[in-house]
Amino acid sequence: MRIHSDYMTVQTKEKRELLNITPNIKAAVEKSGIRDGIILISSLHSNSALFVNDEEPGLLQDIMEWADRIAPFGPDYHHSARSESNAGAHLQSLLLNHQAFVSLTDGKLELGPWQNVMYAELDGQRPKRILIKILGE
């Protein structure tokens, strides 16, 4: 088994933003030379998330509004008592998850016809790192 690690840095223009990072994952696979295996994509920050889903704008808006309903931003968190204002972002990261796995077959990501790897910036406008770890042959 071979293992290839790659890193990417994301810096969004907006404080909250959704980005399709599927092309970056495909580039890492190409660079690795690995044809069959599994890919772990992991945000190295606790106020962002990674997930696999459709990139349809209405759905993405629904996802963010759903996360806002469950873990709204505001001062009513213990984390906020320490002069932090991003407790909602940390909780939303738990909802959406900070990692995603994608299978790799014949050098291609095993994604459905509408699926993409999406990065959710929940408290941004500063550089954030993402690990892409590919395991296989």
Protein backbone atom coordinates (compact mmCIF):
# COMPACT_ATOMS: atom_id res chain seq x y z
CA MET A 1 0.00 0.00 0.00
CA ARG A 2 1.14 3.50 -0.83
CA ILE A 3 0.23 6.65 1.07
CA HIS A 4 0.29 10.15 -0.38
CA SER A 5 -0.36 13.30 1.64
CA ASP A 6 -1.14 16.66 0.11
CA TYR A 7 -2.23 19.94 1.67
CA MET A 8 -4.22 22.82 0.32
CA THR A 9 -4.85 26.22 1.80
CA VAL A 10 -8.17 28.00 1.49
CA GLN A 11 -8.82 31.65 2.26
CA THR A 12 -12.35 32.77 1.57
CA LYS A 13 -13.46 36.31 0.77
CA GLU A 14 -16.53 35.92 2.97
CA LYS A 15 -16.78 34.96 6.64
CA ARG A 16 -19.08 32.07 5.65
CA GLU A 17 -18.69 30.48 2.25
CA LEU A 18 -19.12 27.13 0.52
CA LEU A 19 -16.49 26.02 -2.00
CA ASN A 20 -16.37 23.05 -4.36
CA ILE A 21 -12.91 21.56 -3.83
CA THR A 22 -13.43 18.48 -6.03
CA PRO A 23 -10.94 19.76 -8.67
CA ASN A 24 -8.29 20.08 -5.94
CA ILE A 25 -8.93 16.49 -4.82
CA LYS A 26 -8.67 15.25 -8.41
CA ALA A 27 -5.36 17.10 -8.83
CA ALA A 28 -3.98 15.47 -5.67
CA VAL A 29 -5.03 12.03 -6.94
CA GLU A 30 -3.29 12.67 -10.27
CA LYS A 31 -0.15 13.84 -8.47
CA SER A 32 -0.16 10.75 -6.21
CA GLY A 33 -0.24 8.20 -9.01
CA ILE A 34 -2.50 6.02 -6.85
CA ARG A 35 -5.28 4.39 -8.89
CA ASP A 36 -7.34 2.42 -6.36
CA GLY A 37 -7.92 3.17 -2.71
CA ILE A 38 -9.52 5.68 -0.44
CA ILE A 39 -9.14 9.40 0.06
CA LEU A 40 -9.48 11.19 3.38
CA ILE A 41 -10.13 14.92 3.13
CA SER A 42 -9.79 16.62 6.52
CA SER A 43 -10.08 20.23 7.61
CA LEU A 44 -7.36 21.10 10.09
CA HIS A 45 -9.57 23.74 11.72
CA SER A 46 -12.49 23.30 14.12
CA ASN A 47 -14.63 26.04 12.59
CA SER A 48 -14.94 24.69 9.07
CA ALA A 49 -16.39 21.53 7.57
CA LEU A 50 -16.14 19.10 4.66
CA PHE A 51 -18.95 17.07 3.16
CA VAL A 52 -20.03 15.32 -0.03
CA ASN A 53 -23.25 16.54 -1.60
CA ASP A 54 -24.82 18.29 -4.57
CA GLU A 55 -23.50 21.77 -5.40
CA GLU A 56 -26.98 23.05 -6.29
CA PRO A 57 -27.25 26.63 -4.90
CA GLY A 58 -30.68 26.15 -3.29
CA LEU A 59 -29.52 23.01 -1.48
CA LEU A 60 -26.35 24.73 -0.27
CA GLN A 61 -28.45 27.60 1.09
CA ASP A 62 -30.73 25.06 2.78
CA ILE A 63 -27.72 23.35 4.40
CA MET A 64 -26.38 26.62 5.82
CA GLU A 65 -29.82 27.73 7.06
CA TRP A 66 -30.35 24.30 8.67
CA ALA A 67 -27.00 24.61 10.47
CA ASP A 68 -27.94 28.15 11.58
CA ARG A 69 -31.22 26.90 13.06
CA ILE A 70 -29.54 24.13 15.04
CA ALA A 71 -26.44 26.08 16.12
CA PRO A 72 -27.09 29.79 15.62
CA PHE A 73 -24.39 32.40 16.04
CA GLY A 74 -24.74 34.49 19.17
CA PRO A 75 -23.42 35.28 22.64
CA ASP A 76 -25.31 32.53 24.53
CA TYR A 77 -22.44 30.01 24.62
CA HIS A 78 -19.82 29.30 27.27
CA HIS A 79 -17.18 29.71 24.57
CA SER A 80 -18.45 33.26 23.99
CA ALA A 81 -17.77 34.11 27.63
CA ARG A 82 -14.03 33.88 26.84
CA SER A 83 -14.26 36.77 24.36
CA GLU A 84 -14.77 34.36 21.47
CA SER A 85 -17.63 34.99 19.06
CA ASN A 86 -17.43 31.84 16.94
CA ALA A 87 -18.99 29.13 19.12
CA GLY A 88 -21.73 28.71 16.50
CA ALA A 89 -19.08 27.95 13.86
CA HIS A 90 -17.50 25.26 16.06
CA LEU A 91 -20.87 23.61 16.67
CA GLN A 92 -21.83 23.78 13.00
CA SER A 93 -18.55 22.05 12.16
CA LEU A 94 -19.72 19.15 14.34
CA LEU A 95 -23.02 19.04 12.43
CA LEU A 96 -21.47 19.08 8.97
CA ASN A 97 -18.32 17.12 9.92
CA HIS A 98 -14.69 18.09 9.50
CA GLN A 99 -13.77 15.10 7.32
CA ALA A 100 -14.99 13.31 4.23
CA PHE A 101 -13.97 10.00 2.66
CA VAL A 102 -14.17 9.23 -1.05
CA SER A 103 -13.36 5.93 -2.76
CA LEU A 104 -10.91 5.89 -5.64
CA THR A 105 -11.25 3.41 -8.54
CA ASP A 106 -9.15 3.41 -11.72
CA GLY A 107 -7.82 6.86 -10.79
CA LYS A 108 -11.31 8.37 -10.57
CA LEU A 109 -13.27 9.61 -7.57
CA GLU A 110 -16.27 7.38 -6.86
CA LEU A 111 -18.86 10.15 -6.68
CA GLY A 112 -22.45 10.07 -7.85
CA PRO A 113 -23.48 12.18 -10.86
CA TRP A 114 -24.29 15.25 -8.74
CA GLN A 115 -21.89 14.75 -5.85
CA ASN A 116 -18.93 17.02 -5.12
CA VAL A 117 -16.56 17.49 -2.21
CA MET A 118 -17.65 20.72 -0.54
CA TYR A 119 -15.69 22.86 1.91
CA ALA A 120 -17.78 24.94 4.32
CA GLU A 121 -16.03 27.96 5.76
CA LEU A 122 -17.91 28.84 8.92
CA ASP A 123 -15.66 31.54 10.39
CA GLY A 124 -13.32 32.62 7.67
CA GLN A 125 -11.33 35.27 5.91
CA ARG A 126 -8.07 33.79 7.12
CA PRO A 127 -5.97 30.92 5.75
CA LYS A 128 -7.21 27.42 6.56
CA ARG A 129 -5.45 24.15 5.73
CA ILE A 130 -7.00 20.99 4.38
CA LEU A 131 -5.27 17.59 4.40
CA ILE A 132 -5.80 15.25 1.44
CA LYS A 133 -4.53 11.77 2.32
CA ILE A 134 -4.71 9.08 -0.34
CA LEU A 135 -4.18 5.42 0.58
CA GLY A 136 -4.05 2.66 -1.99
CA GLU A 137 -2.21 1.14 -4.94
